[in-house]
Amino acid sequence: MGRSRPAATHYVLTEDTPVYVISVAAELSGLHPQTLRQYDRLGLVCPDRTAGRGRRYSARDIQQLREVQRLSQDEGINLAGIKRIIELENQVAALQSRIGELADSLEGAASALQQREAAVHASYRRDLVPYQQVQQSSALVVWRPRR
């Protein structure tokens, strides 16, 4: 009898899954590992940490590293400016998400209001007729009995 193999574990990898060690992240981003450490210290790109405190970068982190480098090299923006840009972009994303949540909530409230309005209209008594004021007329009505 051979050894039993453990059941295969399925992992779902997304662009936020931290999988790259610092050397691989440096290679993928085209930056030196020391630059990645500096960006982490400054809060520009903050990778997840392992139990042993090692950095693990995600695909989104790699994209962020490339964007920081582009802003620095191509646009001439200093690191403090880049940090502020990143903070503002994160704030915009959070606000857009909140707008979506509020729009969904508003849509639900409008739907509930329409249902309540329909229920009120359905509860109206059908044996009553709306009062309509008769227009005053100056016409003379003559009645003649039959002979």
Protein backbone atom coordinates (compact mmCIF):
# COMPACT_ATOMS: atom_id res chain seq x y z
CA MET A 1 0.00 0.00 0.00
CA GLY A 2 1.32 3.40 -0.95
CA ARG A 3 1.00 6.57 0.99
CA SER A 4 -2.28 8.36 0.67
CA ARG A 5 -2.04 11.74 -0.92
CA PRO A 6 -3.77 14.66 0.70
CA ALA A 7 -6.79 15.97 -1.12
CA ALA A 8 -5.96 18.68 -3.61
CA THR A 9 -6.69 22.13 -2.28
CA HIS A 10 -8.12 24.55 -4.78
CA TYR A 11 -7.03 28.14 -4.48
CA VAL A 12 -8.80 31.00 -6.14
CA LEU A 13 -6.22 33.43 -7.41
CA THR A 14 -7.32 36.99 -7.96
CA GLU A 15 -5.30 40.07 -8.69
CA ASP A 16 -5.37 40.77 -4.94
CA THR A 17 -3.95 37.38 -3.93
CA PRO A 18 -0.49 37.92 -2.38
CA VAL A 19 1.76 35.37 -4.09
CA TYR A 20 5.02 37.05 -5.16
CA VAL A 21 8.09 37.27 -2.93
CA ILE A 22 10.03 40.52 -3.08
CA SER A 23 12.62 39.25 -5.59
CA VAL A 24 9.92 38.16 -8.05
CA ALA A 25 7.93 41.37 -7.51
CA ALA A 26 11.10 43.39 -8.17
CA GLU A 27 11.73 41.45 -11.37
CA LEU A 28 8.13 41.85 -12.57
CA SER A 29 8.02 45.56 -11.80
CA GLY A 30 11.49 46.31 -13.12
CA LEU A 31 12.57 47.83 -9.81
CA HIS A 32 15.28 46.98 -7.31
CA PRO A 33 14.13 45.08 -4.17
CA GLN A 34 15.46 47.91 -2.03
CA THR A 35 13.16 50.32 -3.90
CA LEU A 36 10.21 48.06 -3.05
CA ARG A 37 11.20 48.13 0.62
CA GLN A 38 11.45 51.93 0.50
CA TYR A 39 8.00 52.21 -1.12
CA ASP A 40 6.63 49.94 1.62
CA ARG A 41 8.19 52.10 4.35
CA LEU A 42 6.71 55.23 2.77
CA GLY A 43 3.27 53.61 2.44
CA LEU A 44 3.18 53.84 -1.35
CA VAL A 45 2.74 50.10 -1.92
CA CYS A 46 2.05 47.99 1.16
CA PRO A 47 2.21 44.26 0.44
CA ASP A 48 0.74 41.61 2.71
CA ARG A 49 3.03 39.90 5.19
CA THR A 50 3.59 36.24 5.95
CA ALA A 51 3.72 34.89 9.50
CA GLY A 52 7.50 35.33 9.34
CA ARG A 53 7.02 39.02 8.29
CA GLY A 54 8.12 38.38 4.69
CA ARG A 55 6.49 40.55 2.06
CA ARG A 56 4.06 38.98 -0.42
CA TYR A 57 3.01 41.06 -3.41
CA SER A 58 -0.16 40.64 -5.45
CA ALA A 59 -0.67 41.37 -9.14
CA ARG A 60 -2.41 44.61 -8.09
CA ASP A 61 0.68 45.54 -6.03
CA ILE A 62 2.87 44.97 -9.10
CA GLN A 63 0.62 47.27 -11.13
CA GLN A 64 0.82 49.86 -8.36
CA LEU A 65 4.63 49.63 -8.31
CA ARG A 66 4.73 50.24 -12.06
CA GLU A 67 2.39 53.22 -11.70
CA VAL A 68 4.51 54.72 -8.91
CA GLN A 69 7.59 54.34 -11.09
CA ARG A 70 5.80 55.90 -14.09
CA LEU A 71 4.61 58.89 -12.07
CA SER A 72 8.08 59.36 -10.63
CA GLN A 73 10.13 58.91 -13.79
CA ASP A 74 7.84 60.07 -16.59
CA GLU A 75 5.78 62.74 -14.82
CA GLY A 76 8.48 63.97 -12.43
CA ILE A 77 6.24 63.73 -9.36
CA ASN A 78 8.00 63.30 -6.02
CA LEU A 79 7.14 60.40 -3.72
CA ALA A 80 5.08 62.57 -1.34
CA GLY A 81 2.99 63.73 -4.29
CA ILE A 82 2.59 60.16 -5.51
CA LYS A 83 1.43 59.09 -2.04
CA ARG A 84 -1.19 61.86 -2.07
CA ILE A 85 -2.35 60.83 -5.56
CA ILE A 86 -2.74 57.22 -4.41
CA GLU A 87 -4.68 58.33 -1.31
CA LEU A 88 -7.02 60.45 -3.44
CA GLU A 89 -7.53 57.64 -5.97
CA ASN A 90 -8.40 55.27 -3.11
CA GLN A 91 -10.79 57.85 -1.69
CA VAL A 92 -12.48 58.28 -5.09
CA ALA A 93 -12.86 54.51 -5.44
CA ALA A 94 -14.40 54.26 -1.96
CA LEU A 95 -16.80 57.11 -2.71
CA GLN A 96 -17.82 55.56 -6.03
CA SER A 97 -18.51 52.31 -4.22
CA ARG A 98 -20.61 54.17 -1.65
CA ILE A 99 -22.52 55.94 -4.42
CA GLY A 100 -23.35 52.54 -5.90
CA GLU A 101 -24.56 51.28 -2.52
CA LEU A 102 -26.71 54.38 -2.01
CA ALA A 103 -28.14 54.12 -5.54
CA ASP A 104 -29.11 50.50 -4.85
CA SER A 105 -30.66 51.51 -1.54
CA LEU A 106 -32.57 54.35 -3.19
CA GLU A 107 -33.84 52.02 -5.90
CA GLY A 108 -35.07 49.60 -3.23
CA ALA A 109 -36.79 52.39 -1.31
CA ALA A 110 -38.48 53.68 -4.48
CA SER A 111 -39.71 50.17 -5.27
CA ALA A 112 -41.08 49.77 -1.73
CA LEU A 113 -42.81 53.14 -2.01
CA GLN A 114 -44.44 52.15 -5.30
CA GLN A 115 -45.69 48.93 -3.70
CA ARG A 116 -47.13 50.84 -0.76
CA GLU A 117 -48.76 53.34 -3.09
CA ALA A 118 -50.31 50.49 -5.10
CA ALA A 119 -51.60 48.94 -1.86
CA VAL A 120 -53.19 52.25 -0.83
CA HIS A 121 -54.86 52.63 -4.23
CA ALA A 122 -56.10 49.04 -4.05
CA SER A 123 -57.70 49.75 -0.67
CA TYR A 124 -59.90 52.57 -2.01
CA ARG A 125 -63.63 51.95 -1.73
CA ARG A 126 -65.07 51.30 -5.14
CA ASP A 127 -68.68 52.11 -4.15
CA LEU A 128 -67.92 55.78 -3.70
CA VAL A 129 -67.88 58.18 -6.58
CA PRO A 130 -65.90 61.36 -6.53
CA TYR A 131 -67.98 64.45 -5.88
CA GLN A 132 -68.18 66.78 -8.81
CA GLN A 133 -69.62 70.19 -8.36
CA VAL A 134 -72.45 70.88 -10.76
CA GLN A 135 -71.95 73.92 -12.84
CA GLN A 136 -74.50 76.63 -12.21
CA SER A 137 -76.65 77.17 -15.24
CA SER A 138 -79.04 79.94 -16.08
CA ALA A 139 -81.09 77.66 -18.32
CA LEU A 140 -84.78 77.44 -17.61
CA VAL A 141 -86.26 73.96 -17.53
CA VAL A 142 -89.93 73.77 -18.43
CA TRP A 143 -91.88 70.76 -17.48
CA ARG A 144 -95.14 69.93 -19.07
CA PRO A 145 -97.23 67.10 -17.83
CA ARG A 146 -98.55 64.62 -20.38
CA ARG A 147 -102.15 64.91 -21.35
